[in-house]
């Protein structure tokens, strides 16, 4: 049985994108995940640190939106 919602949550901080290769690699991976029918949620370091409750609620709403 396939889950009704396929989500990838990725911590996406500036320190990991100092060069073009990392940035381009992320976009390539995003496309492959989208082709495989995953939704990608990119989370910044700042949001994780300063808005964890809001982030949690957003992800819960996203998962509930796909529930059947």
Foldseek 3Di string as FASTA:
>chain_A
DDDLAAEDEEEDEPVQPPDPVSVVVVVVVCVVVVVVVHHYHYHYPCCVVPPVVVVVVVVVVVSVVRHD
